[in-house]
Amino acid sequence: AVEQLPLVPGALEVVGIGYTG
């Protein structure tokens, strides 16, 4: 996946896009 933001606990991998929430 392409994570532009730091991968933190609770992050979800949606369609190969790093989403933190």
N, C-alpha and C. Protein backbone atom coordinates (compact mmCIF):
# COMPACT_ATOMS: atom_id res chain seq x y z
N ALA A 1 0.85 -1.20 0.00
CA ALA A 1 0.00 0.00 0.00
C ALA A 1 0.87 1.24 0.00
N VAL A 2 0.25 2.34 -0.33
CA VAL A 2 1.01 3.61 -0.38
C VAL A 2 0.62 4.46 0.82
N GLU A 3 1.47 4.41 1.83
CA GLU A 3 1.20 5.21 3.03
C GLU A 3 2.00 6.50 3.02
N GLN A 4 1.31 7.62 2.97
CA GLN A 4 1.97 8.91 3.00
C GLN A 4 2.10 9.39 4.44
N LEU A 5 1.24 8.81 5.31
CA LEU A 5 1.27 9.19 6.72
C LEU A 5 1.90 8.05 7.52
N PRO A 6 2.49 8.39 8.67
CA PRO A 6 3.10 7.37 9.53
C PRO A 6 2.08 6.28 9.87
N LEU A 7 2.49 5.01 9.72
CA LEU A 7 1.59 3.91 10.01
C LEU A 7 1.45 3.75 11.52
N VAL A 8 0.26 4.02 12.01
CA VAL A 8 0.02 3.93 13.45
C VAL A 8 -1.06 2.91 13.75
N PRO A 9 -1.10 2.38 14.98
CA PRO A 9 -2.13 1.42 15.37
C PRO A 9 -3.52 1.95 15.06
N GLY A 10 -4.30 1.18 14.32
CA GLY A 10 -5.65 1.61 14.00
C GLY A 10 -5.76 1.98 12.53
N ALA A 11 -4.62 1.91 11.83
CA ALA A 11 -4.63 2.25 10.41
C ALA A 11 -5.31 1.14 9.61
N LEU A 12 -5.98 1.51 8.54
CA LEU A 12 -6.68 0.52 7.70
C LEU A 12 -6.13 0.57 6.28
N GLU A 13 -5.98 -0.61 5.70
CA GLU A 13 -5.51 -0.68 4.32
C GLU A 13 -6.73 -0.79 3.40
N VAL A 14 -7.07 0.29 2.73
CA VAL A 14 -8.24 0.31 1.86
C VAL A 14 -7.80 0.55 0.42
N VAL A 15 -8.02 -0.46 -0.43
CA VAL A 15 -7.68 -0.37 -1.85
C VAL A 15 -6.23 0.06 -2.03
N GLY A 16 -5.33 -0.48 -1.18
CA GLY A 16 -3.91 -0.19 -1.35
C GLY A 16 -3.53 1.21 -0.92
N ILE A 17 -4.44 1.90 -0.24
CA ILE A 17 -4.13 3.25 0.20
C ILE A 17 -4.11 3.31 1.73
N GLY A 18 -3.01 3.77 2.27
CA GLY A 18 -2.91 3.82 3.73
C GLY A 18 -3.81 4.90 4.29
N TYR A 19 -4.73 4.50 5.15
CA TYR A 19 -5.66 5.46 5.76
C TYR A 19 -5.58 5.34 7.27
N THR A 20 -5.27 6.47 7.94
CA THR A 20 -5.16 6.43 9.40
C THR A 20 -6.41 7.03 10.02
N GLY A 21 -7.00 6.29 10.98
CA GLY A 21 -8.21 6.81 11.60
C GLY A 21 -8.52 6.13 12.91
